[in-house]
Structure formats: structure tokens, C-alpha cells
N, C-alpha and C. Protein backbone atom coordinates (compact mmCIF):
# COMPACT_ATOMS: atom_id res chain seq x y z
N MET A 1 38.43 35.51 12.91
CA MET A 1 38.37 34.17 12.37
C MET A 1 39.40 34.12 11.33
N SER A 2 40.25 32.95 10.99
CA SER A 2 41.07 32.86 10.18
C SER A 2 40.39 32.70 8.56
N LEU A 3 41.18 32.85 7.68
CA LEU A 3 40.57 32.90 6.35
C LEU A 3 40.35 31.52 6.13
N GLY A 4 41.15 30.37 6.60
CA GLY A 4 40.88 29.12 6.13
C GLY A 4 39.47 28.49 6.92
N ALA A 5 39.31 29.04 8.19
CA ALA A 5 38.04 28.73 8.89
C ALA A 5 36.85 29.34 8.26
N HIS A 6 37.01 30.44 7.64
CA HIS A 6 36.12 31.14 6.90
C HIS A 6 35.42 30.51 5.69
N PHE A 7 36.53 29.83 5.01
CA PHE A 7 36.33 29.09 3.70
C PHE A 7 35.59 27.61 4.18
N GLN A 8 36.02 27.25 5.10
CA GLN A 8 35.25 26.00 5.72
C GLN A 8 33.81 25.96 6.46
N ASN A 9 33.66 27.24 6.85
CA ASN A 9 32.47 27.69 7.12
C ASN A 9 31.36 27.86 6.10
N GLU A 10 32.13 28.52 5.10
CA GLU A 10 31.13 28.60 3.72
C GLU A 10 30.85 27.35 3.14
N GLU A 11 31.80 26.50 2.98
CA GLU A 11 31.71 25.25 2.52
C GLU A 11 30.54 24.18 3.26
N ASP A 12 30.67 24.34 4.46
CA ASP A 12 29.71 23.60 5.23
C ASP A 12 28.34 24.25 5.13
N ARG A 13 28.21 25.51 5.00
CA ARG A 13 26.90 26.09 4.73
C ARG A 13 26.36 25.70 3.25
N ARG A 14 27.27 25.69 2.22
CA ARG A 14 26.86 25.28 1.02
C ARG A 14 26.29 23.93 0.89
N VAL A 15 27.18 22.86 1.68
CA VAL A 15 26.87 21.50 1.79
C VAL A 15 25.35 21.35 2.51
N GLY A 16 25.16 22.11 3.46
CA GLY A 16 23.98 21.97 4.32
C GLY A 16 22.94 22.59 3.37
N GLU A 17 22.92 23.56 2.62
CA GLU A 17 21.83 24.11 1.71
C GLU A 17 21.67 22.96 0.70
N ASN A 18 22.73 22.48 -0.05
CA ASN A 18 22.49 21.34 -0.91
C ASN A 18 21.74 20.31 -0.37
N LYS A 19 21.96 19.85 0.87
CA LYS A 19 21.32 18.94 1.49
C LYS A 19 19.87 19.02 1.60
N LEU A 20 19.56 20.52 2.19
CA LEU A 20 18.22 20.84 2.34
C LEU A 20 17.39 21.03 0.96
N ARG A 21 17.99 21.36 -0.04
CA ARG A 21 17.45 21.34 -1.40
C ARG A 21 16.97 19.86 -1.77
N VAL A 22 17.97 18.83 -1.49
CA VAL A 22 17.66 17.47 -1.98
C VAL A 22 16.51 16.96 -1.22
N TRP A 23 16.51 17.20 0.23
CA TRP A 23 15.35 16.77 0.96
C TRP A 23 14.28 17.42 0.67
N LYS A 24 14.10 18.67 0.18
CA LYS A 24 12.89 19.19 -0.26
C LYS A 24 12.51 18.75 -1.57
N ARG A 25 13.60 18.63 -2.38
CA ARG A 25 13.05 18.03 -3.61
C ARG A 25 12.47 16.33 -3.56
N GLU A 26 13.16 15.68 -2.54
CA GLU A 26 12.48 14.24 -2.35
C GLU A 26 11.29 14.39 -1.74
N PHE A 27 10.94 15.41 -0.99
CA PHE A 27 9.79 15.39 -0.18
C PHE A 27 8.39 16.04 -0.78
N LEU A 28 8.85 17.11 -1.40
CA LEU A 28 7.85 18.08 -1.79
C LEU A 28 7.43 17.82 -3.35
N ASN A 29 7.73 16.76 -4.01
CA ASN A 29 7.27 16.58 -5.27
C ASN A 29 5.82 16.02 -5.13
N LEU A 30 5.12 15.98 -6.21
CA LEU A 30 3.55 15.63 -6.15
C LEU A 30 3.45 14.29 -5.99
N PRO A 31 4.15 13.26 -6.45
CA PRO A 31 3.80 11.94 -6.23
C PRO A 31 4.22 11.53 -4.50
N ASN A 32 5.02 12.12 -3.93
CA ASN A 32 5.37 11.92 -2.71
C ASN A 32 4.13 12.62 -1.75
N MET A 33 4.04 13.88 -2.09
CA MET A 33 2.83 14.53 -1.29
C MET A 33 1.70 13.79 -1.52
N LEU A 34 1.34 13.00 -2.61
CA LEU A 34 0.23 12.03 -2.50
C LEU A 34 0.31 10.96 -1.62
N THR A 35 1.50 10.50 -1.53
CA THR A 35 1.85 9.37 -0.45
C THR A 35 1.67 9.73 0.77
N LEU A 36 2.01 11.03 1.08
CA LEU A 36 1.90 11.57 2.53
C LEU A 36 0.45 11.69 2.74
N LEU A 37 -0.48 12.11 1.78
CA LEU A 37 -1.83 12.38 1.81
C LEU A 37 -2.48 11.15 2.13
N ARG A 38 -2.10 9.96 1.46
CA ARG A 38 -2.60 8.69 1.74
C ARG A 38 -2.16 8.22 3.15
N MET A 39 -1.13 8.54 3.78
CA MET A 39 -0.79 8.14 5.06
C MET A 39 -1.66 8.85 5.99
N ALA A 40 -2.10 10.21 5.70
CA ALA A 40 -2.85 11.11 6.60
C ALA A 40 -4.28 10.75 6.39
N MET A 41 -4.72 10.10 5.47
CA MET A 41 -6.15 9.46 5.27
C MET A 41 -6.38 8.27 6.32
N ILE A 42 -5.30 7.65 6.97
CA ILE A 42 -5.45 6.41 7.93
C ILE A 42 -6.35 6.80 9.01
N PRO A 43 -6.05 7.84 9.87
CA PRO A 43 -6.74 8.13 11.02
C PRO A 43 -8.21 8.60 10.65
N ILE A 44 -8.29 9.35 9.60
CA ILE A 44 -9.81 9.64 9.08
C ILE A 44 -10.48 8.40 8.90
N PHE A 45 -9.83 7.42 8.23
CA PHE A 45 -10.49 6.14 7.80
C PHE A 45 -10.82 5.39 8.97
N VAL A 46 -9.98 5.17 10.02
CA VAL A 46 -10.30 4.58 11.33
C VAL A 46 -11.37 5.09 11.97
N VAL A 47 -11.47 6.46 12.21
CA VAL A 47 -12.66 7.09 12.79
C VAL A 47 -13.86 6.97 12.15
N LEU A 48 -13.81 6.92 10.90
CA LEU A 48 -15.11 6.85 10.04
C LEU A 48 -15.53 5.29 10.25
N ILE A 49 -14.86 4.41 10.06
CA ILE A 49 -15.19 3.07 10.17
C ILE A 49 -15.66 2.42 11.55
N TYR A 50 -14.96 3.16 12.41
CA TYR A 50 -15.52 2.91 14.01
C TYR A 50 -16.70 3.27 14.11
N GLY A 51 -17.23 4.24 13.40
CA GLY A 51 -18.56 4.83 13.69
C GLY A 51 -19.79 3.40 13.16
N ALA A 52 -19.25 2.69 12.19
CA ALA A 52 -20.01 1.59 11.75
C ALA A 52 -21.60 1.78 11.45
N THR A 53 -22.00 2.91 11.41
CA THR A 53 -23.30 3.14 10.90
C THR A 53 -23.11 3.03 9.08
N PRO A 54 -24.42 2.82 8.59
CA PRO A 54 -24.51 2.75 7.12
C PRO A 54 -23.78 3.95 6.50
N LEU A 55 -24.12 5.38 6.97
CA LEU A 55 -23.57 6.53 6.47
C LEU A 55 -21.99 6.51 6.61
N PHE A 56 -21.29 6.04 7.97
CA PHE A 56 -19.85 6.14 8.21
C PHE A 56 -19.27 5.09 7.49
N SER A 57 -19.91 3.99 7.41
CA SER A 57 -19.22 2.80 6.52
C SER A 57 -19.08 3.24 5.20
N LEU A 58 -20.12 3.97 4.57
CA LEU A 58 -20.08 4.28 3.22
C LEU A 58 -18.95 5.27 3.05
N LEU A 59 -18.87 6.41 3.94
CA LEU A 59 -17.83 7.12 3.84
C LEU A 59 -16.40 6.74 4.13
N ALA A 60 -16.19 5.72 4.76
CA ALA A 60 -15.01 4.97 5.05
C ALA A 60 -14.40 4.31 3.90
N GLY A 61 -15.58 3.65 3.05
CA GLY A 61 -15.36 2.97 1.92
C GLY A 61 -14.71 3.80 0.88
N SER A 62 -15.35 5.11 0.85
CA SER A 62 -15.06 6.19 0.09
C SER A 62 -13.52 6.59 0.01
N VAL A 63 -13.33 6.86 1.47
CA VAL A 63 -11.83 7.42 1.86
C VAL A 63 -10.85 6.28 1.50
N PHE A 64 -11.10 5.09 1.69
CA PHE A 64 -10.18 3.88 1.27
C PHE A 64 -10.14 3.90 -0.20
N ALA A 65 -11.20 3.97 -0.78
CA ALA A 65 -11.19 3.83 -2.51
C ALA A 65 -10.18 4.95 -2.78
N LEU A 66 -10.40 6.27 -2.15
CA LEU A 66 -9.72 7.46 -2.66
C LEU A 66 -8.24 7.14 -2.43
N ALA A 67 -7.77 6.59 -1.37
CA ALA A 67 -6.34 6.20 -0.87
C ALA A 67 -6.08 5.27 -1.84
N ALA A 68 -6.82 4.39 -2.23
CA ALA A 68 -6.15 3.42 -3.31
C ALA A 68 -5.88 4.14 -4.79
N LEU A 69 -6.93 5.28 -5.08
CA LEU A 69 -6.78 6.08 -6.37
C LEU A 69 -5.49 6.60 -6.40
N THR A 70 -5.14 7.26 -5.03
CA THR A 70 -3.71 8.08 -5.01
C THR A 70 -2.63 7.21 -5.14
N ASP A 71 -2.66 5.81 -4.77
CA ASP A 71 -1.69 4.96 -4.77
C ASP A 71 -1.38 4.71 -6.57
N VAL A 72 -2.29 4.46 -7.16
CA VAL A 72 -2.37 4.45 -8.59
C VAL A 72 -1.67 5.74 -9.32
N VAL A 73 -2.19 6.77 -8.80
CA VAL A 73 -1.90 8.11 -9.63
C VAL A 73 -0.50 8.45 -9.18
N ASP A 74 0.04 8.20 -7.97
CA ASP A 74 1.35 8.95 -7.49
C ASP A 74 2.51 8.01 -8.12
N GLY A 75 2.01 6.64 -8.37
CA GLY A 75 3.00 5.79 -8.94
C GLY A 75 3.31 6.19 -10.63
N PHE A 76 2.02 6.45 -11.29
CA PHE A 76 1.96 6.67 -12.52
C PHE A 76 2.63 8.09 -12.79
N LEU A 77 2.52 9.06 -11.98
CA LEU A 77 3.07 10.33 -12.10
C LEU A 77 4.67 10.34 -11.85
N ALA A 78 4.98 9.30 -10.79
CA ALA A 78 6.62 9.26 -10.62
C ALA A 78 7.29 8.63 -11.69
N ARG A 79 6.63 7.70 -12.40
CA ARG A 79 7.30 7.15 -13.40
C ARG A 79 7.17 8.11 -14.73
N ARG A 80 5.99 8.71 -14.88
CA ARG A 80 5.76 9.68 -16.23
C ARG A 80 6.63 10.97 -16.13
N TRP A 81 6.96 11.43 -14.80
CA TRP A 81 7.63 12.69 -14.65
C TRP A 81 9.13 12.45 -14.34
N ASN A 82 9.45 11.13 -13.98
CA ASN A 82 10.69 10.88 -13.58
C ASN A 82 11.09 11.37 -12.40
N MET A 83 10.02 11.17 -11.47
CA MET A 83 10.25 11.70 -10.01
C MET A 83 10.27 10.62 -9.03
N ILE A 84 10.92 9.40 -9.31
CA ILE A 84 11.19 8.39 -8.49
C ILE A 84 12.36 8.72 -7.57
N THR A 85 11.82 8.75 -6.25
CA THR A 85 13.13 9.10 -5.25
C THR A 85 13.20 7.88 -4.33
N VAL A 86 14.38 8.08 -3.47
CA VAL A 86 14.45 7.28 -2.32
C VAL A 86 13.48 7.31 -1.41
N ILE A 87 13.15 8.66 -1.18
CA ILE A 87 12.06 8.69 0.02
C ILE A 87 10.76 7.99 -0.55
N GLY A 88 10.41 8.13 -1.78
CA GLY A 88 9.19 7.61 -2.29
C GLY A 88 9.22 6.15 -2.40
N LYS A 89 10.38 5.57 -2.76
CA LYS A 89 10.55 4.35 -2.77
C LYS A 89 10.34 3.66 -1.26
N LEU A 90 10.73 4.27 -0.38
CA LEU A 90 10.40 3.90 1.09
C LEU A 90 8.94 4.12 1.52
N MET A 91 8.39 5.40 1.44
CA MET A 91 7.01 5.68 1.83
C MET A 91 5.96 5.18 1.16
N ASP A 92 5.98 4.88 -0.19
CA ASP A 92 4.94 4.32 -0.89
C ASP A 92 4.50 2.95 -0.61
N PRO A 93 5.34 1.94 -0.44
CA PRO A 93 4.99 0.56 -0.11
C PRO A 93 4.49 0.53 1.38
N LEU A 94 5.29 1.56 2.43
CA LEU A 94 4.83 1.76 3.59
C LEU A 94 3.53 2.25 3.87
N ALA A 95 3.13 3.23 3.06
CA ALA A 95 1.69 3.57 3.13
C ALA A 95 0.71 2.65 2.61
N ASP A 96 1.03 1.86 1.61
CA ASP A 96 0.03 0.98 1.30
C ASP A 96 -0.29 -0.20 2.31
N LYS A 97 0.91 -0.58 2.98
CA LYS A 97 0.76 -1.73 4.00
C LYS A 97 0.08 -1.03 5.12
N LEU A 98 0.26 0.08 5.59
CA LEU A 98 -0.37 0.64 6.72
C LEU A 98 -1.83 0.93 6.52
N ILE A 99 -2.31 1.25 5.41
CA ILE A 99 -3.72 1.55 5.31
C ILE A 99 -4.57 0.32 5.16
N VAL A 100 -3.65 -0.80 4.50
CA VAL A 100 -4.44 -2.18 4.13
C VAL A 100 -4.59 -2.87 5.77
N ALA A 101 -3.46 -2.61 6.48
CA ALA A 101 -3.45 -3.45 7.82
C ALA A 101 -4.42 -2.75 8.68
N ALA A 102 -4.64 -1.62 8.56
CA ALA A 102 -5.40 -0.96 9.51
C ALA A 102 -6.72 -1.15 9.18
N ALA A 103 -7.07 -1.25 7.63
CA ALA A 103 -8.48 -1.67 7.37
C ALA A 103 -8.72 -3.15 7.85
N LEU A 104 -7.84 -4.00 7.43
CA LEU A 104 -8.09 -5.46 7.68
C LEU A 104 -8.22 -5.57 9.19
N VAL A 105 -7.45 -5.01 10.19
CA VAL A 105 -7.66 -5.01 11.51
C VAL A 105 -9.14 -4.34 12.06
N MET A 106 -9.69 -3.36 11.59
CA MET A 106 -10.83 -2.87 11.86
C MET A 106 -11.92 -3.54 11.51
N MET A 107 -11.75 -4.59 10.19
CA MET A 107 -12.71 -5.33 9.58
C MET A 107 -12.84 -6.59 10.70
N VAL A 108 -11.67 -7.07 11.27
CA VAL A 108 -11.77 -8.16 12.37
C VAL A 108 -12.56 -7.56 13.48
N PHE A 109 -12.26 -6.28 14.19
CA PHE A 109 -12.85 -5.53 15.28
C PHE A 109 -14.33 -5.58 15.01
N LEU A 110 -14.72 -5.35 13.78
CA LEU A 110 -16.13 -5.05 13.65
C LEU A 110 -16.96 -6.32 13.30
N ASN A 111 -16.11 -7.44 13.27
CA ASN A 111 -16.82 -8.98 12.96
C ASN A 111 -17.08 -8.90 11.42
N ARG A 112 -16.41 -8.38 10.47
CA ARG A 112 -16.75 -8.35 9.05
C ARG A 112 -16.10 -9.40 8.35
N VAL A 113 -15.00 -9.87 8.73
CA VAL A 113 -14.14 -10.61 8.17
C VAL A 113 -13.60 -11.70 9.41
N PRO A 114 -13.28 -12.95 8.99
CA PRO A 114 -12.80 -13.89 10.16
C PRO A 114 -11.26 -13.54 10.24
N ALA A 115 -10.93 -13.75 11.62
CA ALA A 115 -9.56 -13.09 12.00
C ALA A 115 -8.46 -13.92 11.53
N TRP A 116 -8.53 -15.25 11.03
CA TRP A 116 -7.77 -16.09 10.39
C TRP A 116 -7.40 -15.53 9.02
N VAL A 117 -8.23 -15.22 8.35
CA VAL A 117 -8.07 -14.60 7.07
C VAL A 117 -7.03 -13.54 6.91
N VAL A 118 -7.18 -12.62 8.04
CA VAL A 118 -6.44 -11.51 8.30
C VAL A 118 -5.03 -11.87 8.61
N ILE A 119 -5.05 -12.75 9.48
CA ILE A 119 -3.55 -13.29 9.99
C ILE A 119 -2.86 -13.93 8.49
N VAL A 120 -3.68 -14.64 7.81
CA VAL A 120 -2.97 -15.21 6.63
C VAL A 120 -2.36 -14.12 5.67
N LEU A 121 -3.18 -13.20 5.33
CA LEU A 121 -2.92 -12.03 4.56
C LEU A 121 -1.75 -11.20 5.00
N LEU A 122 -1.77 -10.92 6.47
CA LEU A 122 -0.60 -10.20 7.07
C LEU A 122 0.78 -10.86 7.12
N SER A 123 0.31 -12.21 7.40
CA SER A 123 1.47 -13.13 7.36
C SER A 123 2.41 -13.11 5.98
N ARG A 124 1.57 -13.29 5.05
CA ARG A 124 2.07 -13.27 3.70
C ARG A 124 2.96 -12.13 3.46
N GLU A 125 2.40 -10.85 3.83
CA GLU A 125 3.03 -9.64 3.54
C GLU A 125 4.48 -9.41 4.17
N PHE A 126 4.32 -9.94 5.55
CA PHE A 126 5.56 -10.06 6.08
C PHE A 126 6.49 -10.78 5.59
N LEU A 127 6.14 -12.06 5.13
CA LEU A 127 7.03 -13.20 4.58
C LEU A 127 7.83 -12.55 3.24
N VAL A 128 6.90 -11.94 2.30
CA VAL A 128 7.35 -11.50 1.00
C VAL A 128 8.29 -10.19 1.23
N SER A 129 7.83 -9.40 2.22
CA SER A 129 8.70 -8.17 2.45
C SER A 129 10.14 -8.69 2.92
N GLY A 130 10.02 -9.71 3.73
CA GLY A 130 11.38 -10.06 4.43
C GLY A 130 12.30 -10.80 3.12
N LEU A 131 11.61 -11.59 2.32
CA LEU A 131 12.31 -12.08 1.42
C LEU A 131 12.74 -10.93 0.08
N ARG A 132 12.10 -9.78 0.07
CA ARG A 132 12.43 -8.83 -0.78
C ARG A 132 13.55 -8.07 -0.24
N GLN A 133 13.69 -8.00 1.09
CA GLN A 133 14.87 -7.32 1.72
C GLN A 133 16.09 -8.07 1.51
N ILE A 134 16.05 -9.62 1.80
CA ILE A 134 17.13 -10.58 1.62
C ILE A 134 17.70 -10.33 0.23
N ALA A 135 16.38 -10.48 -0.98
CA ALA A 135 16.94 -10.35 -2.23
C ALA A 135 17.72 -8.83 -2.53
N VAL A 136 17.19 -8.03 -2.09
CA VAL A 136 18.02 -6.87 -2.33
C VAL A 136 19.28 -6.74 -1.83
N SER A 137 19.51 -7.22 -0.46
CA SER A 137 20.71 -7.27 0.01
C SER A 137 21.79 -8.15 -0.70
N GLU A 138 21.23 -9.42 -1.38
CA GLU A 138 22.11 -10.24 -2.04
C GLU A 138 22.20 -9.90 -3.64
N GLY A 139 21.72 -8.55 -4.15
CA GLY A 139 21.60 -7.92 -5.35
C GLY A 139 20.97 -8.80 -6.40
N LEU A 140 19.81 -9.36 -6.01
CA LEU A 140 18.97 -10.15 -6.58
C LEU A 140 17.72 -9.49 -7.39
N VAL A 141 17.45 -9.52 -8.45
CA VAL A 141 16.34 -8.81 -8.86
C VAL A 141 15.26 -9.85 -9.25
N ILE A 142 13.89 -9.83 -8.57
CA ILE A 142 12.80 -10.57 -8.73
C ILE A 142 11.71 -9.85 -9.18
N ALA A 143 11.19 -9.88 -10.47
CA ALA A 143 10.23 -9.28 -10.93
C ALA A 143 8.68 -9.73 -10.27
N ALA A 144 7.91 -8.58 -9.98
CA ALA A 144 6.63 -9.07 -9.63
C ALA A 144 5.67 -9.78 -10.62
N GLY A 145 5.12 -11.04 -10.09
CA GLY A 145 4.26 -11.54 -10.95
C GLY A 145 2.79 -11.15 -11.30
N GLN A 146 2.03 -11.50 -12.08
CA GLN A 146 0.80 -11.35 -12.60
C GLN A 146 -0.17 -11.50 -11.40
N GLU A 147 0.12 -12.74 -10.81
CA GLU A 147 -0.85 -13.09 -9.56
C GLU A 147 -0.76 -12.11 -8.59
N GLY A 148 0.53 -11.56 -8.33
CA GLY A 148 0.69 -10.55 -7.15
C GLY A 148 -0.39 -9.44 -7.47
N LYS A 149 -0.41 -8.88 -8.57
CA LYS A 149 -1.31 -7.80 -9.12
C LYS A 149 -2.64 -8.03 -9.13
N TRP A 150 -3.08 -9.45 -9.28
CA TRP A 150 -4.42 -9.77 -9.07
C TRP A 150 -4.75 -9.80 -7.32
N LYS A 151 -3.86 -10.22 -6.77
CA LYS A 151 -4.11 -10.31 -5.23
C LYS A 151 -4.40 -8.79 -4.73
N THR A 152 -3.66 -7.75 -5.26
CA THR A 152 -3.72 -6.51 -4.80
C THR A 152 -5.32 -5.92 -5.19
N SER A 153 -5.43 -6.35 -6.34
CA SER A 153 -6.83 -5.75 -6.94
C SER A 153 -8.03 -6.23 -6.44
N LEU A 154 -7.91 -7.63 -6.03
CA LEU A 154 -9.04 -8.18 -5.40
C LEU A 154 -9.01 -7.66 -3.95
N GLN A 155 -7.97 -7.83 -3.27
CA GLN A 155 -7.95 -7.28 -1.77
C GLN A 155 -8.43 -6.03 -1.79
N LEU A 156 -7.96 -5.17 -2.58
CA LEU A 156 -8.56 -3.46 -2.40
C LEU A 156 -10.10 -3.51 -2.60
N ALA A 157 -10.46 -4.20 -3.76
CA ALA A 157 -11.86 -4.28 -4.15
C ALA A 157 -12.62 -4.78 -2.94
N GLY A 158 -12.22 -5.84 -2.34
CA GLY A 158 -12.98 -6.45 -1.03
C GLY A 158 -12.90 -5.78 0.13
N ILE A 159 -12.00 -5.07 0.48
CA ILE A 159 -11.81 -4.24 1.54
C ILE A 159 -12.95 -2.90 1.10
N ILE A 160 -12.96 -2.46 0.18
CA ILE A 160 -13.83 -1.35 -0.05
C ILE A 160 -15.18 -1.82 0.34
N ALA A 161 -15.84 -2.99 -0.45
CA ALA A 161 -16.91 -3.56 -0.07
C ALA A 161 -17.23 -3.94 1.33
N LEU A 162 -16.13 -4.41 1.91
CA LEU A 162 -16.51 -4.75 3.51
C LEU A 162 -16.54 -3.58 4.22
N CYS A 163 -15.88 -2.35 3.82
CA CYS A 163 -16.21 -1.14 4.46
C CYS A 163 -17.69 -0.69 4.34
N VAL A 164 -18.20 -0.83 3.11
CA VAL A 164 -19.63 -0.39 2.96
C VAL A 164 -20.28 -1.42 3.56
N HIS A 165 -20.28 -2.64 3.68
CA HIS A 165 -20.85 -3.66 4.46
C HIS A 165 -22.40 -3.89 4.40
N TYR A 166 -23.05 -2.93 4.46
CA TYR A 166 -24.63 -2.99 4.64
C TYR A 166 -25.37 -3.34 3.27
N VAL A 167 -26.54 -3.77 3.20
CA VAL A 167 -27.41 -3.98 2.08
C VAL A 167 -27.63 -2.44 1.40
N HIS A 168 -27.39 -2.50 -0.02
CA HIS A 168 -27.85 -1.20 -0.64
C HIS A 168 -28.32 -1.52 -1.89
N PRO A 169 -29.35 -0.89 -2.39
CA PRO A 169 -29.97 -1.06 -3.80
C PRO A 169 -28.93 -0.69 -4.77
N ILE A 170 -28.70 -1.38 -5.88
CA ILE A 170 -27.51 -1.11 -6.90
C ILE A 170 -28.27 -1.28 -8.14
N ASN A 171 -28.24 -0.32 -9.15
CA ASN A 171 -28.66 -0.44 -10.58
C ASN A 171 -27.86 -1.42 -11.37
N LEU A 172 -27.98 -2.77 -11.65
CA LEU A 172 -27.06 -3.52 -12.33
C LEU A 172 -27.54 -3.75 -13.86
N LEU A 173 -28.09 -2.48 -14.45
CA LEU A 173 -28.57 -2.39 -15.95
C LEU A 173 -29.59 -3.28 -16.12
N VAL A 174 -29.80 -4.46 -15.62
CA VAL A 174 -30.76 -5.49 -15.98
C VAL A 174 -31.81 -4.98 -14.90
N GLY A 175 -31.64 -4.32 -13.93
CA GLY A 175 -32.69 -4.01 -13.06
C GLY A 175 -31.86 -3.52 -11.70
N VAL A 176 -32.85 -3.12 -10.64
CA VAL A 176 -32.21 -2.51 -9.53
C VAL A 176 -32.45 -3.73 -8.36
N TYR A 177 -31.21 -4.01 -7.70
CA TYR A 177 -31.15 -5.29 -6.81
C TYR A 177 -30.49 -4.94 -5.51
N ASP A 178 -30.81 -5.44 -4.48
CA ASP A 178 -30.36 -5.21 -3.06
C ASP A 178 -28.98 -6.07 -3.07
N VAL A 179 -28.02 -5.49 -2.73
CA VAL A 179 -26.54 -5.87 -2.74
C VAL A 179 -25.99 -6.00 -1.55
N ASN A 180 -25.76 -7.09 -0.93
CA ASN A 180 -25.12 -7.32 0.25
C ASN A 180 -23.55 -7.25 0.24
N PHE A 181 -23.11 -5.89 0.53
CA PHE A 181 -21.80 -5.54 0.20
C PHE A 181 -20.74 -6.40 1.18
N ASN A 182 -21.17 -6.92 2.32
CA ASN A 182 -20.28 -7.72 3.22
C ASN A 182 -20.03 -9.02 2.48
N THR A 183 -21.12 -9.59 1.97
CA THR A 183 -20.89 -10.90 1.20
C THR A 183 -19.92 -10.62 0.00
N VAL A 184 -20.18 -9.74 -0.75
CA VAL A 184 -19.37 -9.38 -1.93
C VAL A 184 -17.92 -9.19 -1.51
N GLY A 185 -17.61 -8.40 -0.30
CA GLY A 185 -16.27 -8.26 0.10
C GLY A 185 -15.59 -9.47 0.78
N LEU A 186 -16.35 -10.46 1.51
CA LEU A 186 -15.73 -11.59 1.82
C LEU A 186 -15.35 -12.54 0.59
N VAL A 187 -16.32 -12.61 -0.56
CA VAL A 187 -15.84 -13.42 -1.74
C VAL A 187 -14.56 -12.89 -2.23
N LEU A 188 -14.64 -11.55 -2.35
CA LEU A 188 -13.24 -10.81 -3.01
C LEU A 188 -12.23 -11.17 -2.24
N VAL A 189 -12.14 -10.97 -0.78
CA VAL A 189 -11.17 -11.14 0.06
C VAL A 189 -10.61 -12.54 0.17
N PHE A 190 -11.49 -13.43 0.21
CA PHE A 190 -11.26 -14.65 0.18
C PHE A 190 -10.38 -15.21 -1.13
N MET A 191 -10.86 -14.67 -2.28
CA MET A 191 -10.20 -14.96 -3.64
C MET A 191 -8.73 -14.29 -3.69
N SER A 192 -8.52 -12.99 -2.95
CA SER A 192 -7.41 -12.34 -2.75
C SER A 192 -6.63 -13.20 -2.11
N MET A 193 -7.09 -13.76 -1.04
CA MET A 193 -6.21 -14.66 -0.14
C MET A 193 -5.53 -15.88 -0.88
N LEU A 194 -6.38 -16.35 -1.76
CA LEU A 194 -5.91 -17.50 -2.59
C LEU A 194 -4.67 -17.13 -3.56
N PHE A 195 -4.99 -15.92 -4.29
CA PHE A 195 -3.92 -15.28 -5.23
C PHE A 195 -2.73 -14.83 -4.26
N SER A 196 -3.05 -14.42 -3.13
CA SER A 196 -2.06 -13.91 -2.06
C SER A 196 -1.05 -15.04 -1.88
N LEU A 197 -1.50 -16.40 -1.47
CA LEU A 197 -0.75 -17.56 -1.23
C LEU A 197 0.07 -17.94 -2.63
N TRP A 198 -0.73 -18.00 -3.71
CA TRP A 198 -0.10 -18.46 -5.07
C TRP A 198 0.92 -17.44 -5.28
N SER A 199 0.83 -16.01 -5.15
CA SER A 199 1.89 -15.23 -5.40
C SER A 199 3.22 -15.19 -4.63
N ALA A 200 2.80 -15.59 -3.12
CA ALA A 200 4.04 -16.01 -2.20
C ALA A 200 4.74 -16.99 -2.61
N ALA A 201 4.00 -18.00 -3.12
CA ALA A 201 4.64 -19.44 -3.58
C ALA A 201 5.65 -19.27 -4.62
N VAL A 202 5.17 -18.54 -5.69
CA VAL A 202 5.89 -17.88 -6.94
C VAL A 202 7.01 -17.27 -6.61
N TYR A 203 6.88 -16.27 -5.71
CA TYR A 203 7.93 -15.41 -5.45
C TYR A 203 9.05 -16.06 -4.52
N PHE A 204 8.77 -17.06 -3.63
CA PHE A 204 9.45 -17.87 -3.06
C PHE A 204 10.53 -18.80 -3.83
N ARG A 205 9.62 -19.34 -5.02
CA ARG A 205 10.47 -20.16 -5.74
C ARG A 205 11.40 -19.47 -6.78
N ALA A 206 10.94 -18.14 -7.02
CA ALA A 206 11.91 -17.25 -7.92
C ALA A 206 13.12 -17.01 -7.00
N PHE A 207 12.84 -16.60 -5.71
CA PHE A 207 13.82 -16.42 -4.81
C PHE A 207 14.76 -17.57 -4.70
N ILE A 208 14.51 -18.57 -4.48
CA ILE A 208 15.23 -19.98 -4.33
C ILE A 208 16.09 -20.03 -5.77
N VAL A 209 15.37 -19.96 -6.79
CA VAL A 209 15.97 -20.08 -8.20
C VAL A 209 17.27 -19.05 -8.17
N LYS A 210 16.85 -17.77 -8.04
CA LYS A 210 17.94 -16.85 -8.28
C LYS A 210 18.93 -16.93 -7.32
N LEU A 211 18.71 -17.42 -6.08
CA LEU A 211 19.87 -17.45 -5.05
C LEU A 211 20.67 -18.59 -5.29
N SER A 212 20.36 -19.67 -5.88
CA SER A 212 20.83 -20.82 -6.33
C SER A 212 21.83 -20.49 -7.50
N GLU A 213 21.20 -19.56 -8.47
CA GLU A 213 21.97 -19.20 -9.61
C GLU A 213 23.39 -18.31 -9.10
N SER A 214 22.98 -17.39 -8.12
CA SER A 214 24.22 -16.43 -7.55
C SER A 214 25.13 -17.19 -6.98
N THR A 215 24.88 -18.22 -6.28
CA THR A 215 26.03 -19.03 -5.36
C THR A 215 26.53 -20.14 -6.23
N SER A 216 25.93 -20.43 -7.52
CA SER A 216 26.44 -21.58 -8.14
C SER A 216 27.82 -21.13 -8.95
């Protein structure tokens, strides 16, 4: 082997090792591991909710609530520890959409929520995601509004309640009352749908304004 070839092989090896270190750093930090954990919870959640008994429904709701909690924690840690990565930017919203879509589809399958409501919610997600992709490609920065955060909070709380589904006695401080969790979930999901449409309209308007400014 010539000296030049030897140095070339050494350079290729170092480049390969550097790439491997970068990928490990991207994947193996705590926020991204929590995101991967959230994605791994999806089949567990589906199996539990498919059981549809009071116990399995309660367990499914607990798994979904834990997944929602990991979403909050991994975002906080990524910002706090400056661990925001390209992989994290891709996987975090993907994990959120996958588990929410899985939950909503299962709620329709179990007749716990009307199909048209889920169609509206998922259509909104596709629309806003598409607009975000176009905005990024055009170099436009559109901040998320407060109404979108309310939508997410109401939607997650509604899905957890729909998962629990059954009537359970709950201590409401003023007394113990039987709470129909499916009814509570439906109210919250309907409210989230209204905020979902509102936030989509606000985002679409902001997108049009930014696009007009960039082309003027």
C-alpha cells in the first residue's frame, strides 16, 4: 500500500469515527431517549386500550398520560441542557403525532368518539404540518400561538379521559361523585377541536401575511 493510500484510509477512518460519535451524541442523549421511549409506548398503549375492560382502559390512560409527561420533560431537558439536536427536532413532533393519531383511531374503533371529530383533528394536523414545511422552505418564521397550546392541552386531557372511559367514583373535595370519564373526554375533545380550528386559522393567516411580506 502506498503512503498516500495509507493516509487516505486513515482520514476516511477518522471521518467515519467522527460521524459515528455525532450520531451517538444525537441519539443517546436523555431527551432523545425519552422521545424513543414515547414511541415505544405506542404498541403497549394500543394493546391495552384494545382490551377495553375497565382495568385495561385505566392502564391505557395511564400509559398515555406517562407518554404526555415524557413529552414535557424531554422538551424541558433539551432546552435546559442545550441538547436540541436535528434528530430530536425530527423525532419529537413525529412521536407526538403518532401516539395521538393511534389514540384517536382507537377511540373511533371503540365507539368512544365520533369519527368525524377525529377526521377534523387529523386533517388540521396535516394542514398545519404542510404549511410549516412550506414556511421553513421559504425561510419564514411563524411563532406558535397560545391557542395552539390550549388545543394540545385540552386534546391530551380529553384523550386520557376517553381512555379511562368508564364511570369511576372520584373525590372532588366536596364529596365523592361518580364521574363518567367518557362524557368528560368528549367535552374536552370537542373543546380541543374548536381551539384546533381556531389555531389553524390563526396560523394560516400568519402564513399568508409572512408570505406576502417576503414577496413584496
